[in-house]
C-alpha atoms as a PDB file:
ATOM      1  CA  MET A   1      -1.987  27.802   2.083  1.00  0.00           C
ATOM      2  CA  LEU A   2      -3.801  24.383   1.826  1.00  0.00           C
ATOM      3  CA  GLY A   3      -3.820  23.853  -2.286  1.00  0.00           C
ATOM      4  CA  GLU A   4      -3.528  25.006  -5.387  1.00  0.00           C
ATOM      5  CA  PRO A   5      -5.873  28.134  -6.525  1.00  0.00           C
ATOM      6  CA  SER A   6      -7.730  25.986  -8.685  1.00  0.00           C
ATOM      7  CA  ASP A   7      -8.841  23.656  -6.109  1.00  0.00           C
ATOM      8  CA  LEU A   8     -11.144  26.837  -5.347  1.00  0.00           C
ATOM      9  CA  ASP A   9     -12.321  27.341  -8.350  1.00  0.00           C
ATOM     10  CA  PRO A  10     -15.925  25.900  -9.005  1.00  0.00           C
ATOM     11  CA  VAL A  11     -15.453  26.568 -12.970  1.00  0.00           C
ATOM     12  CA  THR A  12     -12.195  24.187 -12.996  1.00  0.00           C
ATOM     13  CA  ASN A  13     -12.481  22.058  -9.978  1.00  0.00           C
ATOM     14  CA  PRO A  14     -15.849  21.844  -8.622  1.00  0.00           C
ATOM     15  CA  GLN A  15     -15.360  18.622  -7.127  1.00  0.00           C
ATOM     16  CA  LYS A  16     -13.114  18.916  -4.761  1.00  0.00           C
ATOM     17  CA  LEU A  17     -14.728  22.130  -3.628  1.00  0.00           C
ATOM     18  CA  ASN A  18     -17.874  20.406  -3.461  1.00  0.00           C
ATOM     19  CA  ARG A  19     -16.536  17.637  -1.257  1.00  0.00           C
ATOM     20  CA  TRP A  20     -14.947  19.991   1.399  1.00  0.00           C
ATOM     21  CA  LEU A  21     -18.153  22.141   1.579  1.00  0.00           C
ATOM     22  CA  ASN A  22     -20.408  18.890   1.858  1.00  0.00           C
ATOM     23  CA  GLU A  23     -17.934  17.242   4.433  1.00  0.00           C
ATOM     24  CA  GLY A  24     -18.181  20.783   6.428  1.00  0.00           C
ATOM     25  CA  GLN A  25     -21.712  21.267   6.732  1.00  0.00           C
ATOM     26  CA  ARG A  26     -22.192  17.315   7.582  1.00  0.00           C
ATOM     27  CA  LYS A  27     -19.820  17.969  10.430  1.00  0.00           C
ATOM     28  CA  ILE A  28     -21.528  21.375  11.874  1.00  0.00           C
ATOM     29  CA  ALA A  29     -25.290  19.565  11.416  1.00  0.00           C
ATOM     30  CA  ASP A  30     -24.172  16.777  13.850  1.00  0.00           C
ATOM     31  CA  TRP A  31     -21.695  18.567  15.778  1.00  0.00           C
ATOM     32  CA  LYS A  32     -21.502  17.501  19.432  1.00  0.00           C
ATOM     33  CA  PHE A  33     -19.922  20.132  22.051  1.00  0.00           C
ATOM     34  CA  PRO A  34     -17.268  19.100  25.073  1.00  0.00           C
ATOM     35  CA  ASP A  35     -20.416  19.388  27.560  1.00  0.00           C
ATOM     36  CA  GLY A  36     -22.520  16.961  25.420  1.00  0.00           C
ATOM     37  CA  HIS A  37     -25.029  19.197  23.880  1.00  0.00           C
ATOM     38  CA  MET A  38     -25.708  18.335  20.063  1.00  0.00           C
ATOM     39  CA  ILE A  39     -26.781  20.654  17.349  1.00  0.00           C
ATOM     40  CA  ARG A  40     -30.169  20.132  15.852  1.00  0.00           C
ATOM     41  CA  PHE A  41     -31.607  22.184  12.891  1.00  0.00           C
ATOM     42  CA  PRO A  42     -35.085  22.292  12.667  1.00  0.00           C
ATOM     43  CA  VAL A  43     -34.728  22.340   8.906  1.00  0.00           C
ATOM     44  CA  LEU A  44     -33.070  19.129   9.001  1.00  0.00           C
ATOM     45  CA  GLN A  45     -35.854  17.328  10.872  1.00  0.00           C
ATOM     46  CA  GLN A  46     -38.212  15.213   8.761  1.00  0.00           C
ATOM     47  CA  SER A  47     -41.025  12.894   9.754  1.00  0.00           C
ATOM     48  CA  LEU A  48     -41.652   9.463   7.986  1.00  0.00           C
ATOM     49  CA  MET A  49     -44.656   7.371   8.100  1.00  0.00           C
ATOM     50  CA  TRP A  50     -44.215   3.831   7.819  1.00  0.00           C
ATOM     51  CA  ASN A  51     -46.986   0.898   7.998  1.00  0.00           C
ATOM     52  CA  ALA A  52     -46.118  -2.597   9.978  1.00  0.00           C
ATOM     53  CA  LEU A  53     -47.216  -4.977   7.555  1.00  0.00           C
ATOM     54  CA  VAL A  54     -48.427  -8.175   9.332  1.00  0.00           C
ATOM     55  CA  LEU A  55     -49.379 -10.905   6.514  1.00  0.00           C
ATOM     56  CA  THR A  56     -51.643 -13.275   7.125  1.00  0.00           C
ATOM     57  CA  GLY A  57     -52.619 -16.576   5.020  1.00  0.00           C
ATOM     58  CA  THR A  58     -52.979 -20.588   4.922  1.00  0.00           C
ATOM     59  CA  LEU A  59     -49.394 -22.344   4.614  1.00  0.00           C
ATOM     60  CA  ALA A  60     -48.720 -24.925   1.645  1.00  0.00           C
ATOM     61  CA  GLY A  61     -47.107 -27.313   4.488  1.00  0.00           C
ATOM     62  CA  GLY A  62     -43.790 -27.455   6.330  1.00  0.00           C
ATOM     63  CA  SER A  63     -41.489 -29.892   8.805  1.00  0.00           C
ATOM     64  CA  THR A  64     -40.466 -29.868  12.297  1.00  0.00           C
ATOM     65  CA  THR A  65     -37.922 -27.079  11.515  1.00  0.00           C
ATOM     66  CA  SER A  66     -39.766 -25.397   8.147  1.00  0.00           C
ATOM     67  CA  VAL A  67     -42.633 -23.353   7.081  1.00  0.00           C
ATOM     68  CA  VAL A  68     -43.705 -23.419   3.426  1.00  0.00           C
ATOM     69  CA  PHE A  69     -45.634 -20.723   1.917  1.00  0.00           C
ATOM     70  CA  ASP A  70     -48.347 -21.382  -0.604  1.00  0.00           C
ATOM     71  CA  ALA A  71     -46.668 -20.798  -4.024  1.00  0.00           C
ATOM     72  CA  ALA A  72     -50.134 -18.918  -5.130  1.00  0.00           C
ATOM     73  CA  ASP A  73     -49.485 -16.593  -2.086  1.00  0.00           C
ATOM     74  CA  ALA A  74     -49.129 -13.292  -4.142  1.00  0.00           C
ATOM     75  CA  GLN A  75     -48.115 -11.406  -0.983  1.00  0.00           C
ATOM     76  CA  ILE A  76     -45.152 -13.751  -0.171  1.00  0.00           C
ATOM     77  CA  GLY A  77     -41.976 -12.751  -1.743  1.00  0.00           C
ATOM     78  CA  THR A  78     -39.473 -14.820  -3.492  1.00  0.00           C
ATOM     79  CA  GLU A  79     -36.228 -13.096  -3.049  1.00  0.00           C
ATOM     80  CA  ASP A  80     -33.958 -15.204  -1.080  1.00  0.00           C
ATOM     81  CA  ASP A  81     -33.790 -13.978   2.771  1.00  0.00           C
ATOM     82  CA  ARG A  82     -36.261 -11.645   2.648  1.00  0.00           C
ATOM     83  CA  TYR A  83     -37.696 -12.860   5.374  1.00  0.00           C
ATOM     84  CA  ASN A  84     -34.976 -13.513   7.693  1.00  0.00           C
ATOM     85  CA  GLU A  85     -35.620 -12.855  11.519  1.00  0.00           C
ATOM     86  CA  TRP A  86     -39.578 -12.471  10.697  1.00  0.00           C
ATOM     87  CA  VAL A  87     -41.620 -14.173  13.500  1.00  0.00           C
ATOM     88  CA  VAL A  88     -43.962 -16.563  12.038  1.00  0.00           C
ATOM     89  CA  GLN A  89     -46.943 -17.800  14.562  1.00  0.00           C
ATOM     90  CA  ILE A  90     -49.291 -20.802  13.716  1.00  0.00           C
ATOM     91  CA  THR A  91     -52.784 -18.823  14.656  1.00  0.00           C
ATOM     92  CA  GLY A  92     -54.888 -22.011  13.484  1.00  0.00           C
ATOM     93  CA  GLY A  93     -55.125 -25.655  12.030  1.00  0.00           C
ATOM     94  CA  THR A  94     -52.333 -27.915  12.490  1.00  0.00           C
ATOM     95  CA  GLY A  95     -49.956 -26.645  15.061  1.00  0.00           C
ATOM     96  CA  ALA A  96     -51.649 -23.550  16.334  1.00  0.00           C
ATOM     97  CA  GLY A  97     -50.550 -21.784  18.912  1.00  0.00           C
ATOM     98  CA  GLN A  98     -46.803 -22.106  18.072  1.00  0.00           C
ATOM     99  CA  VAL A  99     -44.087 -19.322  17.648  1.00  0.00           C
ATOM    100  CA  ALA A 100     -40.786 -19.275  15.788  1.00  0.00           C
ATOM    101  CA  VAL A 101     -38.303 -17.250  13.948  1.00  0.00           C
ATOM    102  CA  ILE A 102     -37.607 -17.710  10.230  1.00  0.00           C
ATOM    103  CA  MET A 103     -33.458 -17.560  10.413  1.00  0.00           C
ATOM    104  CA  ASP A 104     -32.876 -18.495   6.462  1.00  0.00           C
ATOM    105  CA  TYR A 105     -35.771 -17.950   3.645  1.00  0.00           C
ATOM    106  CA  LEU A 106     -35.511 -19.721   0.466  1.00  0.00           C
ATOM    107  CA  GLY A 107     -37.456 -17.659  -1.907  1.00  0.00           C
ATOM    108  CA  GLY A 108     -37.935 -20.207  -4.955  1.00  0.00           C
ATOM    109  CA  ALA A 109     -39.182 -22.555  -2.520  1.00  0.00           C
ATOM    110  CA  LYS A 110     -41.139 -19.865  -0.727  1.00  0.00           C
ATOM    111  CA  GLN A 111     -39.725 -21.943   2.536  1.00  0.00           C
ATOM    112  CA  GLY A 112     -38.354 -20.379   5.935  1.00  0.00           C
ATOM    113  CA  ASN A 113     -36.272 -22.834   7.797  1.00  0.00           C
ATOM    114  CA  ILE A 114     -36.908 -21.602  11.624  1.00  0.00           C
ATOM    115  CA  ASN A 115     -34.786 -21.365  14.580  1.00  0.00           C
ATOM    116  CA  LYS A 116     -36.117 -24.244  16.639  1.00  0.00           C
ATOM    117  CA  THR A 117     -38.348 -27.633  16.073  1.00  0.00           C
ATOM    118  CA  TRP A 118     -41.930 -27.391  15.816  1.00  0.00           C
ATOM    119  CA  ALA A 119     -43.465 -29.666  18.415  1.00  0.00           C
ATOM    120  CA  THR A 120     -45.756 -30.310  15.677  1.00  0.00           C
ATOM    121  CA  ALA A 121     -45.279 -29.796  12.153  1.00  0.00           C
ATOM    122  CA  PRO A 122     -47.609 -27.445  10.007  1.00  0.00           C
ATOM    123  CA  ASP A 123     -49.494 -28.830   7.168  1.00  0.00           C
ATOM    124  CA  SER A 124     -52.284 -27.194   4.663  1.00  0.00           C
ATOM    125  CA  THR A 125     -54.462 -26.641   7.267  1.00  0.00           C
ATOM    126  CA  SER A 126     -52.126 -24.115   9.206  1.00  0.00           C
ATOM    127  CA  THR A 127     -52.911 -20.521   8.912  1.00  0.00           C
ATOM    128  CA  TYR A 128     -50.080 -18.278   9.483  1.00  0.00           C
ATOM    129  CA  LEU A 129     -49.312 -14.669  10.895  1.00  0.00           C
ATOM    130  CA  LEU A 130     -46.033 -13.295   9.662  1.00  0.00           C
ATOM    131  CA  THR A 131     -44.665 -10.047  11.389  1.00  0.00           C
ATOM    132  CA  LYS A 132     -41.320  -8.774  12.397  1.00  0.00           C
ATOM    133  CA  ARG A 133     -39.787  -6.483  15.016  1.00  0.00           C
ATOM    134  CA  PHE A 134     -37.591  -4.390  12.900  1.00  0.00           C
ATOM    135  CA  ALA A 135     -37.241  -2.278   9.831  1.00  0.00           C
ATOM    136  CA  PHE A 136     -34.493  -1.148   7.576  1.00  0.00           C
ATOM    137  CA  ILE A 137     -34.103   2.012   5.913  1.00  0.00           C
ATOM    138  CA  MET A 138     -34.045   1.158   2.375  1.00  0.00           C
ATOM    139  CA  ASP A 139     -33.214   2.799  -1.123  1.00  0.00           C
ATOM    140  CA  PRO A 140     -36.624   3.397  -2.758  1.00  0.00           C
ATOM    141  CA  GLY A 141     -35.760   0.938  -5.880  1.00  0.00           C
ATOM    142  CA  ASN A 142     -35.208  -1.920  -3.512  1.00  0.00           C
ATOM    143  CA  PRO A 143     -37.559  -5.023  -4.023  1.00  0.00           C
ATOM    144  CA  TRP A 144     -37.955  -5.300  -0.368  1.00  0.00           C
ATOM    145  CA  VAL A 145     -38.868  -1.688   0.200  1.00  0.00           C
ATOM    146  CA  SER A 146     -42.302  -1.932   0.873  1.00  0.00           C
ATOM    147  CA  ASP A 147     -41.462  -3.924   3.928  1.00  0.00           C
ATOM    148  CA  HIS A 148     -39.356  -1.189   5.516  1.00  0.00           C
ATOM    149  CA  ILE A 149     -38.652   2.362   5.210  1.00  0.00           C
ATOM    150  CA  SER A 150     -38.152   4.277   1.947  1.00  0.00           C
ATOM    151  CA  MET A 151     -35.477   6.757   2.054  1.00  0.00           C
ATOM    152  CA  SER A 152     -32.568   7.649  -0.595  1.00  0.00           C
ATOM    153  CA  PRO A 153     -30.200   8.447   0.020  1.00  0.00           C
ATOM    154  CA  VAL A 154     -30.050   5.569   2.704  1.00  0.00           C
ATOM    155  CA  SER A 155     -27.471   6.713   4.808  1.00  0.00           C
ATOM    156  CA  GLY A 156     -29.517  10.015   5.087  1.00  0.00           C
ATOM    157  CA  ILE A 157     -30.562   9.670   8.495  1.00  0.00           C
ATOM    158  CA  MET A 158     -28.352  10.780  11.232  1.00  0.00           C
ATOM    159  CA  ASP A 159     -30.366  10.091  14.020  1.00  0.00           C
ATOM    160  CA  VAL A 160     -34.354   8.754  15.287  1.00  0.00           C
ATOM    161  CA  MET A 161     -35.411  11.062  17.623  1.00  0.00           C
ATOM    162  CA  LYS A 162     -38.816  10.013  18.182  1.00  0.00           C
ATOM    163  CA  ILE A 163     -41.158   7.020  17.616  1.00  0.00           C
ATOM    164  CA  GLU A 164     -45.177   7.397  17.638  1.00  0.00           C
ATOM    165  CA  ASP A 165     -47.749   4.508  17.305  1.00  0.00           C
ATOM    166  CA  MET A 166     -50.004   6.207  15.366  1.00  0.00           C
ATOM    167  CA  LEU A 167     -52.885   3.867  16.068  1.00  0.00           C
ATOM    168  CA  ASP A 168     -52.560   3.992  19.893  1.00  0.00           C
ATOM    169  CA  LEU A 169     -51.766   7.481  19.422  1.00  0.00           C
ATOM    170  CA  SER A 170     -48.670   6.823  22.177  1.00  0.00           C
ATOM    171  CA  GLU A 171     -44.975   7.662  22.086  1.00  0.00           C
ATOM    172  CA  LEU A 172     -42.602   4.727  22.241  1.00  0.00           C
ATOM    173  CA  ASP A 173     -39.755   4.828  24.933  1.00  0.00           C
ATOM    174  CA  GLU A 174     -36.350   4.807  23.519  1.00  0.00           C
ATOM    175  CA  GLY A 175     -34.083   2.130  24.706  1.00  0.00           C
ATOM    176  CA  TYR A 176     -30.492   1.660  24.993  1.00  0.00           C
ATOM    177  CA  ARG A 177     -28.317   1.142  22.023  1.00  0.00           C
ATOM    178  CA  THR A 178     -26.720  -2.038  23.788  1.00  0.00           C
ATOM    179  CA  ASP A 179     -30.130  -3.453  23.882  1.00  0.00           C
ATOM    180  CA  GLY A 180     -30.843  -6.548  21.640  1.00  0.00           C
ATOM    181  CA  TYR A 181     -34.020  -7.965  22.914  1.00  0.00           C
ATOM    182  CA  VAL A 182     -32.731 -11.345  22.275  1.00  0.00           C
ATOM    183  CA  GLY A 183     -35.370 -12.567  25.131  1.00  0.00           C
ATOM    184  CA  SER A 184     -38.593 -11.165  23.162  1.00  0.00           C
ATOM    185  CA  ALA A 185     -37.158 -12.482  19.557  1.00  0.00           C
ATOM    186  CA  GLU A 186     -40.924 -14.552  19.618  1.00  0.00           C
ATOM    187  CA  GLU A 187     -42.613 -12.128  21.174  1.00  0.00           C
ATOM    188  CA  VAL A 188     -46.120 -11.026  18.972  1.00  0.00           C
ATOM    189  CA  ASP A 189     -47.701  -7.722  20.799  1.00  0.00           C
ATOM    190  CA  VAL A 190     -47.679  -4.088  20.642  1.00  0.00           C
ATOM    191  CA  PRO A 191     -43.968  -2.714  20.188  1.00  0.00           C
ATOM    192  CA  GLY A 192     -43.480  -0.352  23.327  1.00  0.00           C
ATOM    193  CA  GLU A 193     -39.694   0.528  23.028  1.00  0.00           C
ATOM    194  CA  TRP A 194     -37.049   0.696  20.075  1.00  0.00           C
ATOM    195  CA  VAL A 195     -33.427   1.356  19.380  1.00  0.00           C
ATOM    196  CA  PHE A 196     -31.564   2.461  16.078  1.00  0.00           C
ATOM    197  CA  PHE A 197     -28.404   1.600  14.860  1.00  0.00           C
ATOM    198  CA  GLY A 198     -26.780   1.816  11.228  1.00  0.00           C
ATOM    199  CA  ASN A 199     -29.533   1.546   8.887  1.00  0.00           C
ATOM    200  CA  LYS A 200     -32.070  -0.205  11.202  1.00  0.00           C
ATOM    201  CA  ILE A 201     -34.681   0.366  13.600  1.00  0.00           C
ATOM    202  CA  MET A 202     -35.145  -2.235  16.138  1.00  0.00           C
ATOM    203  CA  PHE A 203     -38.282  -3.038  18.487  1.00  0.00           C
ATOM    204  CA  ASP A 204     -38.667  -4.714  21.488  1.00  0.00           C
ATOM    205  CA  LYS A 205     -41.867  -6.948  20.259  1.00  0.00           C
ATOM    206  CA  ALA A 206     -42.931  -7.975  17.013  1.00  0.00           C
ATOM    207  CA  PRO A 207     -46.822  -6.239  16.075  1.00  0.00           C
ATOM    208  CA  GLY A 208     -49.405  -8.809  16.188  1.00  0.00           C
ATOM    209  CA  GLU A 209     -51.309  -6.331  13.927  1.00  0.00           C
ATOM    210  CA  SER A 210     -50.690  -4.097  11.073  1.00  0.00           C
ATOM    211  CA  ARG A 211     -50.189  -0.319  12.213  1.00  0.00           C
ATOM    212  CA  TRP A 212     -48.998   3.079  11.471  1.00  0.00           C
ATOM    213  CA  PHE A 213     -45.595   4.609  13.032  1.00  0.00           C
ATOM    214  CA  ARG A 214     -44.576   7.806  12.773  1.00  0.00           C
ATOM    215  CA  ILE A 215     -40.741   8.442  12.887  1.00  0.00           C
ATOM    216  CA  GLU A 216     -39.170  11.872  13.817  1.00  0.00           C
ATOM    217  CA  CYS A 217     -35.805  11.602  12.310  1.00  0.00           C
ATOM    218  CA  TYR A 218     -32.643  13.850  12.120  1.00  0.00           C
ATOM    219  CA  ARG A 219     -31.287  13.725   8.526  1.00  0.00           C
ATOM    220  CA  GLN A 220     -28.204  14.985   6.875  1.00  0.00           C
ATOM    221  CA  PRO A 221     -28.440  18.390   4.789  1.00  0.00           C
ATOM    222  CA  ALA A 222     -28.688  18.106   1.046  1.00  0.00           C
ATOM    223  CA  THR A 223     -25.933  17.251  -0.817  1.00  0.00           C
ATOM    224  CA  LEU A 224     -24.343  20.345  -2.799  1.00  0.00           C
ATOM    225  CA  THR A 225     -23.795  19.773  -6.488  1.00  0.00           C
ATOM    226  CA  ALA A 226     -24.011  22.653  -8.376  1.00  0.00           C
ATOM    227  CA  ASP A 227     -21.985  26.017  -7.720  1.00  0.00           C
ATOM    228  CA  THR A 228     -25.432  27.813  -7.139  1.00  0.00           C
ATOM    229  CA  ASP A 229     -26.143  25.402  -4.254  1.00  0.00           C
ATOM    230  CA  VAL A 230     -26.588  26.676  -0.675  1.00  0.00           C
ATOM    231  CA  PRO A 231     -26.296  24.794   2.381  1.00  0.00           C
ATOM    232  CA  GLU A 232     -29.257  23.753   4.211  1.00  0.00           C
ATOM    233  CA  ILE A 233     -28.116  24.712   7.664  1.00  0.00           C
ATOM    234  CA  PRO A 234     -28.957  28.397   8.787  1.00  0.00           C
ATOM    235  CA  ASP A 235     -26.970  31.439   7.341  1.00  0.00           C
ATOM    236  CA  ALA A 236     -25.407  32.257  10.960  1.00  0.00           C
ATOM    237  CA  TRP A 237     -23.601  28.822  10.785  1.00  0.00           C
ATOM    238  CA  HIS A 238     -22.111  29.040   7.124  1.00  0.00           C
ATOM    239  CA  GLN A 239     -18.640  30.537   8.500  1.00  0.00           C
ATOM    240  CA  GLY A 240     -18.223  27.283  10.279  1.00  0.00           C
ATOM    241  CA  ILE A 241     -17.753  25.361   7.217  1.00  0.00           C
ATOM    242  CA  VAL A 242     -14.806  27.557   6.076  1.00  0.00           C
ATOM    243  CA  LEU A 243     -13.123  27.346   9.731  1.00  0.00           C
ATOM    244  CA  TRP A 244     -14.007  23.809   9.980  1.00  0.00           C
ATOM    245  CA  ALA A 245     -12.312  23.044   6.172  1.00  0.00           C
ATOM    246  CA  ARG A 246      -9.080  25.092   7.493  1.00  0.00           C
ATOM    247  CA  TRP A 247      -8.658  22.788  10.668  1.00  0.00           C
ATOM    248  CA  TRP A 248      -9.102  19.744   8.161  1.00  0.00           C
ATOM    249  CA  GLY A 249      -6.713  20.922   5.902  1.00  0.00           C
ATOM    250  CA  PHE A 250      -3.842  21.978   8.317  1.00  0.00           C
ATOM    251  CA  ALA A 251      -4.161  18.966   9.847  1.00  0.00           C
ATOM    252  CA  ARG A 252      -4.171  16.803   6.861  1.00  0.00           C
ATOM    253  CA  GLY A 253      -1.073  18.916   5.966  1.00  0.00           C
ATOM    254  CA  GLN A 254       0.980  18.327   9.434  1.00  0.00           C
ATOM    255  CA  GLU A 255       0.789  21.644  10.081  1.00  0.00           C
ATOM    256  CA  THR A 256       0.726  21.149  13.667  1.00  0.00           C
ATOM    257  CA  ALA A 257       0.767  24.776  14.997  1.00  0.00           C
ATOM    258  CA  MET A 258      -1.649  26.076  12.073  1.00  0.00           C
ATOM    259  CA  SER A 259      -3.875  23.077  12.564  1.00  0.00           C
ATOM    260  CA  TYR A 260      -4.315  24.007  16.468  1.00  0.00           C
ATOM    261  CA  SER A 261      -4.999  27.603  15.905  1.00  0.00           C
ATOM    262  CA  ALA A 262      -7.662  26.735  13.261  1.00  0.00           C
ATOM    263  CA  LYS A 263      -9.408  23.879  15.244  1.00  0.00           C
ATOM    264  CA  LYS A 264      -9.833  26.799  18.103  1.00  0.00           C
ATOM    265  CA  ASP A 265     -11.418  29.169  15.653  1.00  0.00           C
ATOM    266  CA  PHE A 266     -13.739  27.012  14.606  1.00  0.00           C
ATOM    267  CA  GLN A 267     -14.453  25.815  18.326  1.00  0.00           C
ATOM    268  CA  ASP A 268     -15.125  29.246  19.459  1.00  0.00           C
ATOM    269  CA  PHE A 269     -17.186  30.263  16.267  1.00  0.00           C
ATOM    270  CA  MET A 270     -19.320  27.336  17.226  1.00  0.00           C
ATOM    271  CA  GLN A 271     -19.611  27.901  20.887  1.00  0.00           C
ATOM    272  CA  THR A 272     -20.412  31.914  20.117  1.00  0.00           C
ATOM    273  CA  THR A 273     -22.931  31.095  17.519  1.00  0.00           C
ATOM    274  CA  ARG A 274     -24.490  28.487  19.834  1.00  0.00           C
ATOM    275  CA  GLN A 275     -25.242  30.791  22.788  1.00  0.00           C
ATOM    276  CA  SER A 276     -26.482  33.449  20.459  1.00  0.00           C
ATOM    277  CA  LEU A 277     -29.212  31.304  18.408  1.00  0.00           C
ATOM    278  CA  GLU A 278     -29.632  28.524  21.421  1.00  0.00           C
ATOM    279  CA  MET A 279     -32.632  26.851  21.879  1.00  0.00           C
ATOM    280  CA  ARG A 280     -33.683  23.783  23.632  1.00  0.00           C
ATOM    281  CA  PHE A 281     -36.358  21.362  23.590  1.00  0.00           C
ATOM    282  CA  GLU A 282     -36.450  18.059  25.332  1.00  0.00           C
ATOM    283  CA  ARG A 283     -35.473  14.638  24.377  1.00  0.00           C
ATOM    284  CA  ALA A 284     -36.614  11.602  26.210  1.00  0.00           C
ATOM    285  CA  ASN A 285     -34.105   9.207  27.563  1.00  0.00           C
ATOM    286  CA  SER A 286     -31.086  11.090  26.424  1.00  0.00           C
ATOM    287  CA  SER A 287     -28.168  12.601  28.541  1.00  0.00           C
ATOM    288  CA  ALA A 288     -27.789  15.946  26.715  1.00  0.00           C
ATOM    289  CA  LEU A 289     -30.401  18.310  25.354  1.00  0.00           C
ATOM    290  CA  PRO A 290     -30.080  18.655  21.366  1.00  0.00           C
ATOM    291  CA  GLU A 291     -29.155  22.390  20.596  1.00  0.00           C
ATOM    292  CA  VAL A 292     -30.399  24.214  17.480  1.00  0.00           C
END
């Protein structure tokens, strides 16, 4: 009723069928019930280890509005914008004690233009500490990936559920999505709170020393490509992929009555399956308990 018979033939038209299957399993893997509860399958939970690097060295110089890193300093990259939003602290020599945020990094000159005017311009005696309070989810092939979190595909993470400081063996608090931490932009200390949005994890403070973090996240199911691939979500939920596809297809075809009926079939299936397989676990600072 929703297309040609060939649309469902994995041999003659595999791309269309796989597209529906993949979209359906993603919808189920991240489904949120009307009461606020969310599905969370253990098979899609993943831990990532990330080392928040802190770089130190001696500057080549600077001005009242910039820092210039030594051309021979091999740990400093030469890609434009690589250190945008990083915090630079003068730890010794001329200008010691000053802190600023790099707003524009010019890789060829290894120059960082800062967010304010230094009281004392740094020079070749100035030692620095370079750190940041954020981490991007990046493709393994990105030249900046050593500074951030490697994952393929980049869009694979649906949600970050927990972050642990492996140096202090403590769990960081989850902040609110509206938190921007603007007031602590120059603060260098032990991070205590985080928020996740898009492909970026933001901390309330930039670490003053290198430290490892364990990031517990919830990822998308593996993409189905071959006709022998099986969805990662548990078998009991596979029928939901078909029911969701019917709902989507009727809605796309503007079949109002059939779309309503298919939607109700899908929602009833999800609720019934949830009740029969439900397992709860706590999540800090959340208005809803995830469901498995």
